[in-house]
Amino acid sequence: MTDTVQKQSQELATQLWAIANELRGNMDASKFKNYILGVIFYRYLSEKTESYMNDLLKDDGISYREALKNEEFAPTVMEWSIGHLGYIIEPKYLWASLIDEIKGA
């Protein structure tokens, strides 16, 4: 199991490095890191939000995205998010939603 995790981590690092090199083009690496680190951090916050909230809502049989669209659940979900995470990312701004929009899904 550990070998699999290490292999996946190394593959991810290689892919991220290749993407970073392609995106930055002629931009100095020290300047580019400010942009890419922000994107990586946003993805982390987005995925953490969705995962955490989906875990909390699983007994209710509803996802985070569905809960924020539901008038009954939305106020409580917003309160939980602020109380436990310290922030809210609306479903339309989640990383997965942005990727879906890019892919045209």
N, C-alpha and C. Protein backbone atom coordinates (compact mmCIF):
# COMPACT_ATOMS: atom_id res chain seq x y z
N MET A 1 0.83 -1.20 0.00
CA MET A 1 0.00 0.00 0.00
C MET A 1 0.87 1.25 0.00
N THR A 2 1.92 1.26 0.81
CA THR A 2 2.80 2.41 0.89
C THR A 2 3.50 2.66 -0.44
N ASP A 3 3.91 1.58 -1.11
CA ASP A 3 4.56 1.73 -2.41
C ASP A 3 3.62 2.36 -3.43
N THR A 4 2.35 1.98 -3.37
CA THR A 4 1.36 2.54 -4.28
C THR A 4 1.19 4.03 -4.03
N VAL A 5 1.09 4.43 -2.77
CA VAL A 5 0.93 5.84 -2.41
C VAL A 5 2.16 6.63 -2.85
N GLN A 6 3.34 6.09 -2.63
CA GLN A 6 4.57 6.78 -3.03
C GLN A 6 4.62 6.93 -4.55
N LYS A 7 4.24 5.88 -5.25
CA LYS A 7 4.26 5.93 -6.71
C LYS A 7 3.27 6.98 -7.22
N GLN A 8 2.07 7.00 -6.64
CA GLN A 8 1.07 7.98 -7.04
C GLN A 8 1.54 9.40 -6.72
N SER A 9 2.14 9.59 -5.57
CA SER A 9 2.66 10.91 -5.19
C SER A 9 3.74 11.37 -6.15
N GLN A 10 4.61 10.46 -6.52
CA GLN A 10 5.68 10.82 -7.45
C GLN A 10 5.12 11.13 -8.84
N GLU A 11 4.13 10.35 -9.29
CA GLU A 11 3.50 10.63 -10.58
C GLU A 11 2.80 11.99 -10.57
N LEU A 12 2.13 12.28 -9.47
CA LEU A 12 1.45 13.58 -9.34
C LEU A 12 2.46 14.72 -9.37
N ALA A 13 3.55 14.57 -8.64
CA ALA A 13 4.58 15.60 -8.61
C ALA A 13 5.17 15.82 -10.00
N THR A 14 5.40 14.74 -10.74
CA THR A 14 5.93 14.84 -12.09
C THR A 14 4.95 15.56 -13.01
N GLN A 15 3.68 15.21 -12.90
CA GLN A 15 2.65 15.86 -13.73
C GLN A 15 2.53 17.33 -13.38
N LEU A 16 2.51 17.66 -12.08
CA LEU A 16 2.42 19.06 -11.66
C LEU A 16 3.61 19.87 -12.17
N TRP A 17 4.79 19.28 -12.10
CA TRP A 17 5.99 19.98 -12.55
C TRP A 17 5.90 20.25 -14.06
N ALA A 18 5.46 19.25 -14.82
CA ALA A 18 5.32 19.41 -16.27
C ALA A 18 4.28 20.49 -16.60
N ILE A 19 3.16 20.46 -15.89
CA ILE A 19 2.11 21.47 -16.11
C ILE A 19 2.64 22.86 -15.77
N ALA A 20 3.33 22.96 -14.65
CA ALA A 20 3.87 24.25 -14.23
C ALA A 20 4.84 24.80 -15.26
N ASN A 21 5.71 23.94 -15.78
CA ASN A 21 6.67 24.39 -16.80
C ASN A 21 5.96 24.86 -18.07
N GLU A 22 4.93 24.14 -18.45
CA GLU A 22 4.19 24.51 -19.66
C GLU A 22 3.43 25.83 -19.46
N LEU A 23 2.81 25.98 -18.31
CA LEU A 23 2.03 27.19 -18.05
C LEU A 23 2.88 28.44 -17.88
N ARG A 24 4.00 28.30 -17.26
CA ARG A 24 4.78 29.49 -16.96
C ARG A 24 5.49 30.04 -18.17
N GLY A 25 5.73 29.22 -19.17
CA GLY A 25 6.37 29.70 -20.40
C GLY A 25 7.65 30.45 -20.09
N ASN A 26 7.69 31.73 -20.46
CA ASN A 26 8.90 32.55 -20.26
C ASN A 26 8.92 33.27 -18.92
N MET A 27 7.87 33.10 -18.12
CA MET A 27 7.81 33.78 -16.82
C MET A 27 8.85 33.19 -15.87
N ASP A 28 9.46 34.04 -15.10
CA ASP A 28 10.43 33.60 -14.10
C ASP A 28 9.76 32.69 -13.08
N ALA A 29 10.40 31.59 -12.74
CA ALA A 29 9.83 30.60 -11.83
C ALA A 29 9.47 31.20 -10.47
N SER A 30 10.25 32.15 -9.99
CA SER A 30 9.96 32.73 -8.67
C SER A 30 8.66 33.52 -8.70
N LYS A 31 8.31 34.13 -9.83
CA LYS A 31 7.05 34.85 -9.95
C LYS A 31 5.89 33.88 -10.17
N PHE A 32 6.15 32.84 -10.95
CA PHE A 32 5.11 31.87 -11.28
C PHE A 32 4.61 31.13 -10.04
N LYS A 33 5.51 30.86 -9.10
CA LYS A 33 5.12 30.10 -7.91
C LYS A 33 4.01 30.80 -7.15
N ASN A 34 3.98 32.12 -7.17
CA ASN A 34 2.91 32.84 -6.48
C ASN A 34 1.54 32.49 -7.05
N TYR A 35 1.48 32.32 -8.36
CA TYR A 35 0.22 31.98 -9.01
C TYR A 35 -0.15 30.52 -8.78
N ILE A 36 0.78 29.64 -9.01
CA ILE A 36 0.48 28.21 -8.94
C ILE A 36 0.19 27.77 -7.50
N LEU A 37 0.88 28.33 -6.54
CA LEU A 37 0.62 27.96 -5.15
C LEU A 37 -0.78 28.40 -4.72
N GLY A 38 -1.24 29.54 -5.21
CA GLY A 38 -2.60 29.99 -4.94
C GLY A 38 -3.63 29.04 -5.50
N VAL A 39 -3.40 28.57 -6.71
CA VAL A 39 -4.32 27.63 -7.36
C VAL A 39 -4.34 26.30 -6.60
N ILE A 40 -3.19 25.83 -6.22
CA ILE A 40 -3.10 24.57 -5.46
C ILE A 40 -3.81 24.71 -4.12
N PHE A 41 -3.61 25.83 -3.45
CA PHE A 41 -4.27 26.05 -2.16
C PHE A 41 -5.78 26.12 -2.33
N TYR A 42 -6.25 26.79 -3.37
CA TYR A 42 -7.69 26.87 -3.63
C TYR A 42 -8.27 25.48 -3.88
N ARG A 43 -7.56 24.67 -4.64
CA ARG A 43 -8.04 23.31 -4.89
C ARG A 43 -8.13 22.54 -3.58
N TYR A 44 -7.12 22.67 -2.73
CA TYR A 44 -7.13 21.99 -1.44
C TYR A 44 -8.34 22.41 -0.61
N LEU A 45 -8.58 23.72 -0.50
CA LEU A 45 -9.72 24.20 0.28
C LEU A 45 -11.04 23.71 -0.29
N SER A 46 -11.14 23.72 -1.59
CA SER A 46 -12.36 23.30 -2.27
C SER A 46 -12.64 21.82 -2.01
N GLU A 47 -11.64 20.98 -2.21
CA GLU A 47 -11.82 19.55 -2.00
C GLU A 47 -12.06 19.21 -0.53
N LYS A 48 -11.40 19.95 0.36
CA LYS A 48 -11.61 19.74 1.79
C LYS A 48 -13.05 20.09 2.16
N THR A 49 -13.55 21.20 1.64
CA THR A 49 -14.92 21.61 1.91
C THR A 49 -15.91 20.55 1.48
N GLU A 50 -15.80 20.12 0.24
CA GLU A 50 -16.77 19.16 -0.28
C GLU A 50 -16.69 17.83 0.46
N SER A 51 -15.50 17.36 0.72
CA SER A 51 -15.33 16.09 1.43
C SER A 51 -15.87 16.17 2.86
N TYR A 52 -15.50 17.22 3.57
CA TYR A 52 -15.93 17.39 4.97
C TYR A 52 -17.46 17.49 5.06
N MET A 53 -18.02 18.33 4.21
CA MET A 53 -19.47 18.54 4.27
C MET A 53 -20.23 17.30 3.79
N ASN A 54 -19.72 16.61 2.79
CA ASN A 54 -20.38 15.37 2.35
C ASN A 54 -20.37 14.32 3.46
N ASP A 55 -19.28 14.25 4.22
CA ASP A 55 -19.22 13.32 5.35
C ASP A 55 -20.26 13.67 6.41
N LEU A 56 -20.41 14.96 6.70
CA LEU A 56 -21.40 15.39 7.69
C LEU A 56 -22.83 15.11 7.23
N LEU A 57 -23.05 15.21 5.94
CA LEU A 57 -24.41 15.09 5.41
C LEU A 57 -24.79 13.68 4.95
N LYS A 58 -23.85 12.74 5.01
CA LYS A 58 -24.14 11.41 4.46
C LYS A 58 -25.31 10.73 5.15
N ASP A 59 -25.48 10.93 6.46
CA ASP A 59 -26.61 10.32 7.17
C ASP A 59 -27.95 10.92 6.75
N ASP A 60 -27.91 12.13 6.21
CA ASP A 60 -29.13 12.79 5.71
C ASP A 60 -29.43 12.41 4.27
N GLY A 61 -28.51 11.67 3.65
CA GLY A 61 -28.71 11.24 2.28
C GLY A 61 -28.67 12.35 1.26
N ILE A 62 -27.87 13.38 1.54
CA ILE A 62 -27.80 14.53 0.64
C ILE A 62 -26.34 14.98 0.53
N SER A 63 -25.97 15.48 -0.62
CA SER A 63 -24.60 15.95 -0.81
C SER A 63 -24.51 17.43 -0.45
N TYR A 64 -23.30 17.92 -0.34
CA TYR A 64 -23.05 19.33 -0.05
C TYR A 64 -23.68 20.22 -1.12
N ARG A 65 -23.49 19.84 -2.37
CA ARG A 65 -24.05 20.63 -3.48
C ARG A 65 -25.58 20.68 -3.40
N GLU A 66 -26.18 19.55 -3.13
CA GLU A 66 -27.64 19.48 -3.01
C GLU A 66 -28.14 20.26 -1.80
N ALA A 67 -27.41 20.15 -0.70
CA ALA A 67 -27.83 20.80 0.55
C ALA A 67 -27.89 22.32 0.42
N LEU A 68 -26.93 22.90 -0.28
CA LEU A 68 -26.93 24.36 -0.41
C LEU A 68 -28.02 24.86 -1.36
N LYS A 69 -28.55 23.97 -2.18
CA LYS A 69 -29.67 24.34 -3.06
C LYS A 69 -31.01 24.16 -2.35
N ASN A 70 -31.00 23.44 -1.24
CA ASN A 70 -32.21 23.10 -0.51
C ASN A 70 -32.45 24.15 0.59
N GLU A 71 -33.63 24.79 0.57
CA GLU A 71 -33.93 25.86 1.53
C GLU A 71 -33.92 25.36 2.97
N GLU A 72 -34.24 24.09 3.16
CA GLU A 72 -34.26 23.52 4.51
C GLU A 72 -32.85 23.31 5.06
N PHE A 73 -31.94 22.83 4.22
CA PHE A 73 -30.59 22.50 4.66
C PHE A 73 -29.61 23.66 4.58
N ALA A 74 -29.80 24.56 3.62
CA ALA A 74 -28.80 25.59 3.32
C ALA A 74 -28.34 26.42 4.54
N PRO A 75 -29.25 26.97 5.36
CA PRO A 75 -28.76 27.77 6.50
C PRO A 75 -27.89 26.98 7.47
N THR A 76 -28.31 25.75 7.74
CA THR A 76 -27.53 24.91 8.67
C THR A 76 -26.18 24.55 8.08
N VAL A 77 -26.16 24.21 6.81
CA VAL A 77 -24.90 23.85 6.15
C VAL A 77 -23.94 25.03 6.13
N MET A 78 -24.46 26.21 5.86
CA MET A 78 -23.61 27.42 5.87
C MET A 78 -23.04 27.65 7.26
N GLU A 79 -23.87 27.47 8.26
CA GLU A 79 -23.44 27.65 9.65
C GLU A 79 -22.36 26.63 10.01
N TRP A 80 -22.55 25.38 9.62
CA TRP A 80 -21.55 24.33 9.88
C TRP A 80 -20.23 24.68 9.19
N SER A 81 -20.33 25.09 7.95
CA SER A 81 -19.12 25.39 7.19
C SER A 81 -18.32 26.51 7.85
N ILE A 82 -19.00 27.58 8.21
CA ILE A 82 -18.33 28.70 8.87
C ILE A 82 -17.80 28.27 10.24
N GLY A 83 -18.62 27.54 10.98
CA GLY A 83 -18.22 27.13 12.33
C GLY A 83 -17.08 26.14 12.39
N HIS A 84 -17.02 25.21 11.43
CA HIS A 84 -16.01 24.14 11.48
C HIS A 84 -14.85 24.35 10.54
N LEU A 85 -15.10 24.98 9.41
CA LEU A 85 -14.02 25.22 8.45
C LEU A 85 -13.53 26.66 8.47
N GLY A 86 -14.43 27.58 8.82
CA GLY A 86 -14.08 28.99 8.85
C GLY A 86 -14.34 29.71 7.54
N TYR A 87 -14.91 29.02 6.58
CA TYR A 87 -15.20 29.61 5.28
C TYR A 87 -16.28 28.79 4.58
N ILE A 88 -16.81 29.36 3.49
CA ILE A 88 -17.78 28.66 2.65
C ILE A 88 -17.31 28.80 1.20
N ILE A 89 -17.36 27.72 0.48
CA ILE A 89 -17.17 27.78 -0.97
C ILE A 89 -18.45 27.24 -1.58
N GLU A 90 -19.16 28.11 -2.28
CA GLU A 90 -20.42 27.70 -2.89
C GLU A 90 -20.14 26.62 -3.93
N PRO A 91 -21.09 25.71 -4.12
CA PRO A 91 -20.88 24.61 -5.06
C PRO A 91 -20.45 25.04 -6.46
N LYS A 92 -20.97 26.14 -6.95
CA LYS A 92 -20.58 26.56 -8.30
C LYS A 92 -19.12 27.01 -8.37
N TYR A 93 -18.50 27.28 -7.22
CA TYR A 93 -17.10 27.69 -7.18
C TYR A 93 -16.15 26.59 -6.71
N LEU A 94 -16.68 25.41 -6.48
CA LEU A 94 -15.82 24.29 -6.08
C LEU A 94 -14.89 23.92 -7.23
N TRP A 95 -13.74 23.39 -6.89
CA TRP A 95 -12.76 23.00 -7.90
C TRP A 95 -13.39 22.04 -8.92
N ALA A 96 -14.12 21.05 -8.44
CA ALA A 96 -14.74 20.07 -9.34
C ALA A 96 -15.73 20.74 -10.29
N SER A 97 -16.45 21.74 -9.81
CA SER A 97 -17.39 22.47 -10.67
C SER A 97 -16.65 23.25 -11.75
N LEU A 98 -15.54 23.86 -11.38
CA LEU A 98 -14.75 24.60 -12.36
C LEU A 98 -14.19 23.66 -13.42
N ILE A 99 -13.74 22.50 -13.01
CA ILE A 99 -13.20 21.52 -13.95
C ILE A 99 -14.33 21.03 -14.86
N ASP A 100 -15.50 20.78 -14.29
CA ASP A 100 -16.65 20.35 -15.11
C ASP A 100 -16.98 21.41 -16.15
N GLU A 101 -16.94 22.66 -15.74
CA GLU A 101 -17.25 23.76 -16.67
C GLU A 101 -16.21 23.84 -17.79
N ILE A 102 -14.96 23.65 -17.43
CA ILE A 102 -13.88 23.67 -18.44
C ILE A 102 -14.08 22.54 -19.44
N LYS A 103 -14.44 21.36 -18.94
CA LYS A 103 -14.65 20.20 -19.80
C LYS A 103 -15.98 20.26 -20.55
N GLY A 104 -16.82 21.19 -20.18
CA GLY A 104 -18.11 21.32 -20.83
C GLY A 104 -19.13 20.30 -20.37
N ALA A 105 -18.93 19.78 -19.18
CA ALA A 105 -19.82 18.75 -18.64
C ALA A 105 -21.05 19.35 -18.00
